[in-house]
Amino acid sequence: MSDSLRKDPSDQVKEKITPDSQKSTLDQAKESVTGTADRVAGSVQPQDEKSTTQKLSDSTRSTADSSSENSKSVLQSAQDTISSTAQSVTDTLSGKSGQQK
C-alpha cells in the first residue's frame, strides 16, 4: 500500500481548521468517511511503507484520538457523579434516604 491511497495530511489540516458551520452536510459526511478510511488504511499499512509525513500524521492522530477518548471518559465520570449526587439529594428531600417507618 502506498501513501497515494492515503488522505493527504494537508487536507486533514484544512478540514480541522475549517469550522463545521462553514461546511455542508455533504462535506462533513465526506470528511467522516474519508477520515475513517484513512484511519483503517493507516492501521494496516506497515510502518516501513509509510512516508515520514504519514508516520507523523498517524502518530498525531493517534495521540489526538487517545486524548479525545480520555476527555470523554472524564466527562462521563463527571456526569455520573453529578447524576448520582442529584439522585441522592432528591431521595433525601423526598424522605427516601433508606429510612423505613
PDB file of N, CA and C in Angstrom:
ATOM      1  N   MET A   1       0.855  -1.161   0.000  1.00  0.00           N
ATOM      2  CA  MET A   1       0.000   0.000   0.000  1.00  0.00           C
ATOM      3  C   MET A   1       0.901   1.224   0.000  1.00  0.00           C
ATOM      4  N   SER A   2       0.509   2.253  -0.703  1.00  0.00           N
ATOM      5  CA  SER A   2       1.342   3.440  -0.760  1.00  0.00           C
ATOM      6  C   SER A   2       0.600   4.631  -0.176  1.00  0.00           C
ATOM      7  N   ASP A   3       1.338   5.704   0.025  1.00  0.00           N
ATOM      8  CA  ASP A   3       0.734   6.922   0.549  1.00  0.00           C
ATOM      9  C   ASP A   3      -0.298   7.509  -0.406  1.00  0.00           C
ATOM     10  N   SER A   4      -0.214   7.135  -1.680  1.00  0.00           N
ATOM     11  CA  SER A   4      -1.165   7.679  -2.648  1.00  0.00           C
ATOM     12  C   SER A   4      -2.594   7.228  -2.336  1.00  0.00           C
ATOM     13  N   LEU A   5      -2.724   6.149  -1.589  1.00  0.00           N
ATOM     14  CA  LEU A   5      -4.051   5.674  -1.205  1.00  0.00           C
ATOM     15  C   LEU A   5      -4.518   6.285   0.117  1.00  0.00           C
ATOM     16  N   ARG A   6      -3.686   7.131   0.693  1.00  0.00           N
ATOM     17  CA  ARG A   6      -3.983   7.748   1.988  1.00  0.00           C
ATOM     18  C   ARG A   6      -4.477   9.176   1.804  1.00  0.00           C
ATOM     19  N   LYS A   7      -5.162   9.672   2.800  1.00  0.00           N
ATOM     20  CA  LYS A   7      -5.631  11.050   2.798  1.00  0.00           C
ATOM     21  C   LYS A   7      -4.428  11.974   3.009  1.00  0.00           C
ATOM     22  N   ASP A   8      -4.326  12.996   2.190  1.00  0.00           N
ATOM     23  CA  ASP A   8      -3.199  13.917   2.283  1.00  0.00           C
ATOM     24  C   ASP A   8      -3.249  14.680   3.606  1.00  0.00           C
ATOM     25  N   PRO A   9      -2.132  14.724   4.322  1.00  0.00           N
ATOM     26  CA  PRO A   9      -2.117  15.438   5.610  1.00  0.00           C
ATOM     27  C   PRO A   9      -2.535  16.904   5.506  1.00  0.00           C
ATOM     28  N   SER A  10      -2.214  17.570   4.397  1.00  0.00           N
ATOM     29  CA  SER A  10      -2.635  18.976   4.256  1.00  0.00           C
ATOM     30  C   SER A  10      -4.159  19.076   4.168  1.00  0.00           C
ATOM     31  N   ASP A  11      -4.816  18.079   3.549  1.00  0.00           N
ATOM     32  CA  ASP A  11      -6.283  18.053   3.510  1.00  0.00           C
ATOM     33  C   ASP A  11      -6.843  17.864   4.914  1.00  0.00           C
ATOM     34  N   GLN A  12      -6.179  17.026   5.701  1.00  0.00           N
ATOM     35  CA  GLN A  12      -6.629  16.800   7.077  1.00  0.00           C
ATOM     36  C   GLN A  12      -6.567  18.096   7.880  1.00  0.00           C
ATOM     37  N   VAL A  13      -5.489  18.849   7.697  1.00  0.00           N
ATOM     38  CA  VAL A  13      -5.336  20.112   8.417  1.00  0.00           C
ATOM     39  C   VAL A  13      -6.422  21.097   7.992  1.00  0.00           C
ATOM     40  N   LYS A  14      -6.651  21.215   6.687  1.00  0.00           N
ATOM     41  CA  LYS A  14      -7.694  22.125   6.182  1.00  0.00           C
ATOM     42  C   LYS A  14      -9.054  21.769   6.766  1.00  0.00           C
ATOM     43  N   GLU A  15      -9.353  20.464   6.835  1.00  0.00           N
ATOM     44  CA  GLU A  15     -10.636  20.028   7.366  1.00  0.00           C
ATOM     45  C   GLU A  15     -10.775  20.381   8.849  1.00  0.00           C
ATOM     46  N   LYS A  16      -9.677  20.255   9.591  1.00  0.00           N
ATOM     47  CA  LYS A  16      -9.719  20.531  11.029  1.00  0.00           C
ATOM     48  C   LYS A  16      -9.871  22.019  11.329  1.00  0.00           C
ATOM     49  N   ILE A  17      -9.248  22.881  10.521  1.00  0.00           N
ATOM     50  CA  ILE A  17      -9.290  24.308  10.827  1.00  0.00           C
ATOM     51  C   ILE A  17     -10.535  25.002  10.280  1.00  0.00           C
ATOM     52  N   THR A  18     -11.249  24.348   9.374  1.00  0.00           N
ATOM     53  CA  THR A  18     -12.485  24.920   8.844  1.00  0.00           C
ATOM     54  C   THR A  18     -13.637  24.565   9.782  1.00  0.00           C
ATOM     55  N   PRO A  19     -14.314  25.570  10.347  1.00  0.00           N
ATOM     56  CA  PRO A  19     -15.424  25.284  11.268  1.00  0.00           C
ATOM     57  C   PRO A  19     -16.536  24.495  10.573  1.00  0.00           C
ATOM     58  N   ASP A  20     -17.163  23.592  11.313  1.00  0.00           N
ATOM     59  CA  ASP A  20     -18.265  22.798  10.750  1.00  0.00           C
ATOM     60  C   ASP A  20     -19.389  23.693  10.238  1.00  0.00           C
ATOM     61  N   SER A  21     -19.557  24.858  10.851  1.00  0.00           N
ATOM     62  CA  SER A  21     -20.626  25.768  10.423  1.00  0.00           C
ATOM     63  C   SER A  21     -20.413  26.276   8.996  1.00  0.00           C
ATOM     64  N   GLN A  22     -19.176  26.166   8.502  1.00  0.00           N
ATOM     65  CA  GLN A  22     -18.873  26.607   7.137  1.00  0.00           C
ATOM     66  C   GLN A  22     -18.846  25.441   6.149  1.00  0.00           C
ATOM     67  N   LYS A  23     -19.227  24.261   6.611  1.00  0.00           N
ATOM     68  CA  LYS A  23     -19.212  23.070   5.755  1.00  0.00           C
ATOM     69  C   LYS A  23     -20.638  22.597   5.513  1.00  0.00           C
ATOM     70  N   SER A  24     -20.863  22.081   4.329  1.00  0.00           N
ATOM     71  CA  SER A  24     -22.173  21.498   4.044  1.00  0.00           C
ATOM     72  C   SER A  24     -22.271  20.131   4.737  1.00  0.00           C
ATOM     73  N   THR A  25     -23.464  19.636   4.842  1.00  0.00           N
ATOM     74  CA  THR A  25     -23.665  18.315   5.432  1.00  0.00           C
ATOM     75  C   THR A  25     -22.933  17.264   4.609  1.00  0.00           C
ATOM     76  N   LEU A  26     -22.944  17.430   3.297  1.00  0.00           N
ATOM     77  CA  LEU A  26     -22.240  16.505   2.406  1.00  0.00           C
ATOM     78  C   LEU A  26     -20.733  16.534   2.669  1.00  0.00           C
ATOM     79  N   ASP A  27     -20.181  17.739   2.842  1.00  0.00           N
ATOM     80  CA  ASP A  27     -18.748  17.853   3.130  1.00  0.00           C
ATOM     81  C   ASP A  27     -18.398  17.182   4.459  1.00  0.00           C
ATOM     82  N   GLN A  28     -19.231  17.384   5.474  1.00  0.00           N
ATOM     83  CA  GLN A  28     -18.981  16.774   6.776  1.00  0.00           C
ATOM     84  C   GLN A  28     -19.041  15.249   6.692  1.00  0.00           C
ATOM     85  N   ALA A  29     -20.013  14.743   5.945  1.00  0.00           N
ATOM     86  CA  ALA A  29     -20.133  13.288   5.780  1.00  0.00           C
ATOM     87  C   ALA A  29     -18.931  12.736   5.020  1.00  0.00           C
ATOM     88  N   LYS A  30     -18.513  13.448   3.982  1.00  0.00           N
ATOM     89  CA  LYS A  30     -17.342  13.020   3.201  1.00  0.00           C
ATOM     90  C   LYS A  30     -16.098  12.978   4.083  1.00  0.00           C
ATOM     91  N   GLU A  31     -15.901  14.009   4.898  1.00  0.00           N
ATOM     92  CA  GLU A  31     -14.748  14.045   5.800  1.00  0.00           C
ATOM     93  C   GLU A  31     -14.768  12.865   6.767  1.00  0.00           C
ATOM     94  N   SER A  32     -15.933  12.557   7.267  1.00  0.00           N
ATOM     95  CA  SER A  32     -16.057  11.441   8.211  1.00  0.00           C
ATOM     96  C   SER A  32     -15.699  10.117   7.543  1.00  0.00           C
ATOM     97  N   VAL A  33     -16.233   9.894   6.355  1.00  0.00           N
ATOM     98  CA  VAL A  33     -15.971   8.644   5.632  1.00  0.00           C
ATOM     99  C   VAL A  33     -14.503   8.534   5.235  1.00  0.00           C
ATOM    100  N   THR A  34     -13.960   9.612   4.662  1.00  0.00           N
ATOM    101  CA  THR A  34     -12.561   9.549   4.227  1.00  0.00           C
ATOM    102  C   THR A  34     -11.605   9.486   5.418  1.00  0.00           C
ATOM    103  N   GLY A  35     -11.986  10.129   6.512  1.00  0.00           N
ATOM    104  CA  GLY A  35     -11.163  10.063   7.723  1.00  0.00           C
ATOM    105  C   GLY A  35     -11.116   8.660   8.292  1.00  0.00           C
ATOM    106  N   THR A  36     -12.276   8.012   8.330  1.00  0.00           N
ATOM    107  CA  THR A  36     -12.345   6.629   8.818  1.00  0.00           C
ATOM    108  C   THR A  36     -11.550   5.706   7.903  1.00  0.00           C
ATOM    109  N   ALA A  37     -11.715   5.886   6.592  1.00  0.00           N
ATOM    110  CA  ALA A  37     -10.977   5.053   5.638  1.00  0.00           C
ATOM    111  C   ALA A  37      -9.470   5.246   5.809  1.00  0.00           C
ATOM    112  N   ASP A  38      -9.046   6.484   6.055  1.00  0.00           N
ATOM    113  CA  ASP A  38      -7.616   6.746   6.235  1.00  0.00           C
ATOM    114  C   ASP A  38      -7.100   6.131   7.533  1.00  0.00           C
ATOM    115  N   ARG A  39      -7.912   6.154   8.587  1.00  0.00           N
ATOM    116  CA  ARG A  39      -7.514   5.511   9.852  1.00  0.00           C
ATOM    117  C   ARG A  39      -7.301   4.013   9.641  1.00  0.00           C
ATOM    118  N   VAL A  40      -8.232   3.410   8.918  1.00  0.00           N
ATOM    119  CA  VAL A  40      -8.115   1.973   8.633  1.00  0.00           C
ATOM    120  C   VAL A  40      -6.866   1.708   7.795  1.00  0.00           C
ATOM    121  N   ALA A  41      -6.691   2.495   6.741  1.00  0.00           N
ATOM    122  CA  ALA A  41      -5.518   2.313   5.874  1.00  0.00           C
ATOM    123  C   ALA A  41      -4.226   2.498   6.670  1.00  0.00           C
ATOM    124  N   GLY A  42      -4.205   3.489   7.553  1.00  0.00           N
ATOM    125  CA  GLY A  42      -3.024   3.737   8.362  1.00  0.00           C
ATOM    126  C   GLY A  42      -2.724   2.617   9.341  1.00  0.00           C
ATOM    127  N   SER A  43      -3.773   1.962   9.818  1.00  0.00           N
ATOM    128  CA  SER A  43      -3.557   0.885  10.794  1.00  0.00           C
ATOM    129  C   SER A  43      -3.093  -0.410  10.141  1.00  0.00           C
ATOM    130  N   VAL A  44      -3.408  -0.601   8.863  1.00  0.00           N
ATOM    131  CA  VAL A  44      -2.985  -1.842   8.194  1.00  0.00           C
ATOM    132  C   VAL A  44      -1.716  -1.666   7.356  1.00  0.00           C
ATOM    133  N   GLN A  45      -1.364  -0.422   7.076  1.00  0.00           N
ATOM    134  CA  GLN A  45      -0.149  -0.169   6.296  1.00  0.00           C
ATOM    135  C   GLN A  45       1.075  -0.337   7.196  1.00  0.00           C
ATOM    136  N   PRO A  46       2.014  -1.189   6.804  1.00  0.00           N
ATOM    137  CA  PRO A  46       3.228  -1.367   7.610  1.00  0.00           C
ATOM    138  C   PRO A  46       4.000  -0.053   7.759  1.00  0.00           C
ATOM    139  N   GLN A  47       4.585   0.164   8.927  1.00  0.00           N
ATOM    140  CA  GLN A  47       5.318   1.399   9.202  1.00  0.00           C
ATOM    141  C   GLN A  47       6.432   1.655   8.193  1.00  0.00           C
ATOM    142  N   ASP A  48       7.102   0.598   7.764  1.00  0.00           N
ATOM    143  CA  ASP A  48       8.234   0.786   6.846  1.00  0.00           C
ATOM    144  C   ASP A  48       7.791   1.177   5.432  1.00  0.00           C
ATOM    145  N   GLU A  49       6.491   1.115   5.152  1.00  0.00           N
ATOM    146  CA  GLU A  49       5.976   1.537   3.847  1.00  0.00           C
ATOM    147  C   GLU A  49       5.400   2.949   3.883  1.00  0.00           C
ATOM    148  N   LYS A  50       5.396   3.579   5.062  1.00  0.00           N
ATOM    149  CA  LYS A  50       4.837   4.920   5.193  1.00  0.00           C
ATOM    150  C   LYS A  50       5.928   5.965   4.999  1.00  0.00           C
ATOM    151  N   SER A  51       5.506   7.086   4.419  1.00  0.00           N
ATOM    152  CA  SER A  51       6.432   8.219   4.332  1.00  0.00           C
ATOM    153  C   SER A  51       6.555   8.830   5.720  1.00  0.00           C
ATOM    154  N   THR A  52       7.562   9.652   5.895  1.00  0.00           N
ATOM    155  CA  THR A  52       7.744  10.344   7.173  1.00  0.00           C
ATOM    156  C   THR A  52       6.522  11.190   7.500  1.00  0.00           C
ATOM    157  N   THR A  53       5.963  11.828   6.483  1.00  0.00           N
ATOM    158  CA  THR A  53       4.777  12.662   6.675  1.00  0.00           C
ATOM    159  C   THR A  53       3.599  11.835   7.178  1.00  0.00           C
ATOM    160  N   GLN A  54       3.384  10.656   6.579  1.00  0.00           N
ATOM    161  CA  GLN A  54       2.273   9.813   7.008  1.00  0.00           C
ATOM    162  C   GLN A  54       2.518   9.246   8.408  1.00  0.00           C
ATOM    163  N   LYS A  55       3.754   8.902   8.712  1.00  0.00           N
ATOM    164  CA  LYS A  55       4.073   8.420  10.060  1.00  0.00           C
ATOM    165  C   LYS A  55       3.732   9.486  11.096  1.00  0.00           C
ATOM    166  N   LEU A  56       4.143  10.719  10.817  1.00  0.00           N
ATOM    167  CA  LEU A  56       3.870  11.825  11.723  1.00  0.00           C
ATOM    168  C   LEU A  56       2.369  12.080  11.833  1.00  0.00           C
ATOM    169  N   SER A  57       1.692  12.063  10.700  1.00  0.00           N
ATOM    170  CA  SER A  57       0.248  12.279  10.682  1.00  0.00           C
ATOM    171  C   SER A  57      -0.484  11.204  11.493  1.00  0.00           C
ATOM    172  N   ASP A  58      -0.108   9.936  11.293  1.00  0.00           N
ATOM    173  CA  ASP A  58      -0.740   8.837  12.031  1.00  0.00           C
ATOM    174  C   ASP A  58      -0.464   8.938  13.521  1.00  0.00           C
ATOM    175  N   SER A  59       0.760   9.306  13.870  1.00  0.00           N
ATOM    176  CA  SER A  59       1.128   9.443  15.277  1.00  0.00           C
ATOM    177  C   SER A  59       0.347  10.581  15.931  1.00  0.00           C
ATOM    178  N   THR A  60       0.235  11.692  15.242  1.00  0.00           N
ATOM    179  CA  THR A  60      -0.507  12.838  15.757  1.00  0.00           C
ATOM    180  C   THR A  60      -1.980  12.491  15.923  1.00  0.00           C
ATOM    181  N   ARG A  61      -2.540  11.804  14.941  1.00  0.00           N
ATOM    182  CA  ARG A  61      -3.949  11.419  15.013  1.00  0.00           C
ATOM    183  C   ARG A  61      -4.177  10.449  16.167  1.00  0.00           C
ATOM    184  N   SER A  62      -3.264   9.510  16.340  1.00  0.00           N
ATOM    185  CA  SER A  62      -3.391   8.537  17.422  1.00  0.00           C
ATOM    186  C   SER A  62      -3.392   9.234  18.780  1.00  0.00           C
ATOM    187  N   THR A  63      -2.507  10.205  18.943  1.00  0.00           N
ATOM    188  CA  THR A  63      -2.445  10.963  20.194  1.00  0.00           C
ATOM    189  C   THR A  63      -3.728  11.760  20.393  1.00  0.00           C
ATOM    190  N   ALA A  64      -4.221  12.390  19.339  1.00  0.00           N
ATOM    191  CA  ALA A  64      -5.454  13.176  19.427  1.00  0.00           C
ATOM    192  C   ALA A  64      -6.644  12.279  19.749  1.00  0.00           C
ATOM    193  N   ASP A  65      -6.719  11.115  19.096  1.00  0.00           N
ATOM    194  CA  ASP A  65      -7.812  10.177  19.369  1.00  0.00           C
ATOM    195  C   ASP A  65      -7.779   9.712  20.815  1.00  0.00           C
ATOM    196  N   SER A  66      -6.587   9.419  21.308  1.00  0.00           N
ATOM    197  CA  SER A  66      -6.427   8.972  22.687  1.00  0.00           C
ATOM    198  C   SER A  66      -6.845  10.069  23.657  1.00  0.00           C
ATOM    199  N   SER A  67      -6.444  11.299  23.382  1.00  0.00           N
ATOM    200  CA  SER A  67      -6.818  12.423  24.237  1.00  0.00           C
ATOM    201  C   SER A  67      -8.324  12.634  24.220  1.00  0.00           C
ATOM    202  N   SER A  68      -8.916  12.481  23.057  1.00  0.00           N
ATOM    203  CA  SER A  68     -10.365  12.628  22.933  1.00  0.00           C
ATOM    204  C   SER A  68     -11.094  11.570  23.746  1.00  0.00           C
ATOM    205  N   GLU A  69     -10.623  10.342  23.669  1.00  0.00           N
ATOM    206  CA  GLU A  69     -11.234   9.258  24.444  1.00  0.00           C
ATOM    207  C   GLU A  69     -11.089   9.502  25.942  1.00  0.00           C
ATOM    208  N   ASN A  70      -9.907   9.975  26.367  1.00  0.00           N
ATOM    209  CA  ASN A  70      -9.693  10.273  27.782  1.00  0.00           C
ATOM    210  C   ASN A  70     -10.613  11.394  28.236  1.00  0.00           C
ATOM    211  N   SER A  71     -10.796  12.414  27.393  1.00  0.00           N
ATOM    212  CA  SER A  71     -11.683  13.524  27.725  1.00  0.00           C
ATOM    213  C   SER A  71     -13.120  13.035  27.862  1.00  0.00           C
ATOM    214  N   LYS A  72     -13.544  12.155  26.956  1.00  0.00           N
ATOM    215  CA  LYS A  72     -14.894  11.607  27.035  1.00  0.00           C
ATOM    216  C   LYS A  72     -15.066  10.812  28.312  1.00  0.00           C
ATOM    217  N   SER A  73     -14.045  10.058  28.698  1.00  0.00           N
ATOM    218  CA  SER A  73     -14.111   9.255  29.910  1.00  0.00           C
ATOM    219  C   SER A  73     -14.235  10.141  31.146  1.00  0.00           C
ATOM    220  N   VAL A  74     -13.454  11.214  31.195  1.00  0.00           N
ATOM    221  CA  VAL A  74     -13.517  12.147  32.322  1.00  0.00           C
ATOM    222  C   VAL A  74     -14.876  12.821  32.353  1.00  0.00           C
ATOM    223  N   LEU A  75     -15.366  13.244  31.201  1.00  0.00           N
ATOM    224  CA  LEU A  75     -16.673  13.888  31.122  1.00  0.00           C
ATOM    225  C   LEU A  75     -17.775  12.937  31.578  1.00  0.00           C
ATOM    226  N   GLN A  76     -17.719  11.682  31.135  1.00  0.00           N
ATOM    227  CA  GLN A  76     -18.729  10.707  31.535  1.00  0.00           C
ATOM    228  C   GLN A  76     -18.679  10.475  33.043  1.00  0.00           C
ATOM    229  N   SER A  77     -17.497  10.406  33.601  1.00  0.00           N
ATOM    230  CA  SER A  77     -17.335  10.224  35.045  1.00  0.00           C
ATOM    231  C   SER A  77     -17.946  11.400  35.807  1.00  0.00           C
ATOM    232  N   ALA A  78     -17.701  12.608  35.326  1.00  0.00           N
ATOM    233  CA  ALA A  78     -18.267  13.794  35.965  1.00  0.00           C
ATOM    234  C   ALA A  78     -19.787  13.786  35.874  1.00  0.00           C
ATOM    235  N   GLN A  79     -20.304  13.405  34.710  1.00  0.00           N
ATOM    236  CA  GLN A  79     -21.754  13.343  34.545  1.00  0.00           C
ATOM    237  C   GLN A  79     -22.365  12.297  35.472  1.00  0.00           C
ATOM    238  N   ASP A  80     -21.711  11.156  35.609  1.00  0.00           N
ATOM    239  CA  ASP A  80     -22.206  10.112  36.505  1.00  0.00           C
ATOM    240  C   ASP A  80     -22.222  10.590  37.950  1.00  0.00           C
ATOM    241  N   THR A  81     -21.165  11.293  38.356  1.00  0.00           N
ATOM    242  CA  THR A  81     -21.089  11.808  39.724  1.00  0.00           C
ATOM    243  C   THR A  81     -22.189  12.827  39.979  1.00  0.00           C
ATOM    244  N   ILE A  82     -22.389  13.732  39.039  1.00  0.00           N
ATOM    245  CA  ILE A  82     -23.440  14.742  39.182  1.00  0.00           C
ATOM    246  C   ILE A  82     -24.808  14.078  39.235  1.00  0.00           C
ATOM    247  N   SER A  83     -25.028  13.113  38.380  1.00  0.00           N
ATOM    248  CA  SER A  83     -26.313  12.408  38.358  1.00  0.00           C
ATOM    249  C   SER A  83     -26.567  11.682  39.678  1.00  0.00           C
ATOM    250  N   SER A  84     -25.538  11.015  40.181  1.00  0.00           N
ATOM    251  CA  SER A  84     -25.659  10.281  41.440  1.00  0.00           C
ATOM    252  C   SER A  84     -25.924  11.235  42.599  1.00  0.00           C
ATOM    253  N   THR A  85     -25.225  12.350  42.611  1.00  0.00           N
ATOM    254  CA  THR A  85     -25.417  13.345  43.667  1.00  0.00           C
ATOM    255  C   THR A  85     -26.824  13.922  43.598  1.00  0.00           C
ATOM    256  N   ALA A  86     -27.270  14.242  42.401  1.00  0.00           N
ATOM    257  CA  ALA A  86     -28.617  14.792  42.231  1.00  0.00           C
ATOM    258  C   ALA A  86     -29.661  13.785  42.709  1.00  0.00           C
ATOM    259  N   GLN A  87     -29.453  12.513  42.403  1.00  0.00           N
ATOM    260  CA  GLN A  87     -30.399  11.487  42.841  1.00  0.00           C
ATOM    261  C   GLN A  87     -30.402  11.370  44.363  1.00  0.00           C
ATOM    262  N   SER A  88     -29.239  11.457  44.993  1.00  0.00           N
ATOM    263  CA  SER A  88     -29.142  11.395  46.452  1.00  0.00           C
ATOM    264  C   SER A  88     -29.878  12.558  47.101  1.00  0.00           C
ATOM    265  N   VAL A  89     -29.709  13.747  46.537  1.00  0.00           N
ATOM    266  CA  VAL A  89     -30.393  14.928  47.058  1.00  0.00           C
ATOM    267  C   VAL A  89     -31.898  14.755  46.908  1.00  0.00           C
ATOM    268  N   THR A  90     -32.332  14.294  45.756  1.00  0.00           N
ATOM    269  CA  THR A  90     -33.756  14.072  45.513  1.00  0.00           C
ATOM    270  C   THR A  90     -34.320  13.048  46.497  1.00  0.00           C
ATOM    271  N   ASP A  91     -33.592  11.958  46.684  1.00  0.00           N
ATOM    272  CA  ASP A  91     -34.041  10.923  47.626  1.00  0.00           C
ATOM    273  C   ASP A  91     -34.111  11.460  49.043  1.00  0.00           C
ATOM    274  N   THR A  92     -33.135  12.260  49.439  1.00  0.00           N
ATOM    275  CA  THR A  92     -33.119  12.826  50.792  1.00  0.00           C
ATOM    276  C   THR A  92     -34.292  13.779  50.987  1.00  0.00           C
ATOM    277  N   LEU A  93     -34.524  14.622  50.014  1.00  0.00           N
ATOM    278  CA  LEU A  93     -35.619  15.585  50.116  1.00  0.00           C
ATOM    279  C   LEU A  93     -36.988  14.910  50.105  1.00  0.00           C
ATOM    280  N   SER A  94     -37.089  13.786  49.445  1.00  0.00           N
ATOM    281  CA  SER A  94     -38.383  13.095  49.384  1.00  0.00           C
ATOM    282  C   SER A  94     -38.529  12.052  50.491  1.00  0.00           C
ATOM    283  N   GLY A  95     -37.522  11.953  51.368  1.00  0.00           N
ATOM    284  CA  GLY A  95     -37.596  11.028  52.502  1.00  0.00           C
ATOM    285  C   GLY A  95     -37.267   9.599  52.144  1.00  0.00           C
ATOM    286  N   LYS A  96     -36.563   9.363  51.053  1.00  0.00           N
ATOM    287  CA  LYS A  96     -36.201   8.006  50.627  1.00  0.00           C
ATOM    288  C   LYS A  96     -34.745   7.691  50.951  1.00  0.00           C
ATOM    289  N   SER A  97     -34.229   8.230  52.003  1.00  0.00           N
ATOM    290  CA  SER A  97     -32.819   8.066  52.298  1.00  0.00           C
ATOM    291  C   SER A  97     -32.524   6.745  52.992  1.00  0.00           C
ATOM    292  N   GLY A  98     -33.374   5.768  52.802  1.00  0.00           N
ATOM    293  CA  GLY A  98     -33.129   4.449  53.360  1.00  0.00           C
ATOM    294  C   GLY A  98     -33.788   4.252  54.711  1.00  0.00           C
ATOM    295  N   GLN A  99     -34.526   5.251  55.170  1.00  0.00           N
ATOM    296  CA  GLN A  99     -35.210   5.118  56.452  1.00  0.00           C
ATOM    297  C   GLN A  99     -36.567   4.458  56.225  1.00  0.00           C
ATOM    298  N   GLN A 100     -36.859   3.498  57.037  1.00  0.00           N
ATOM    299  CA  GLN A 100     -38.173   2.847  56.939  1.00  0.00           C
ATOM    300  C   GLN A 100     -38.969   3.221  58.167  1.00  0.00           C
ATOM    301  N   LYS A 101     -40.239   3.453  57.991  1.00  0.00           N
ATOM    302  CA  LYS A 101     -41.124   3.821  59.101  1.00  0.00           C
ATOM    303  C   LYS A 101     -42.088   2.714  59.381  1.00  0.00           C
TER     304      LYS A 101
END
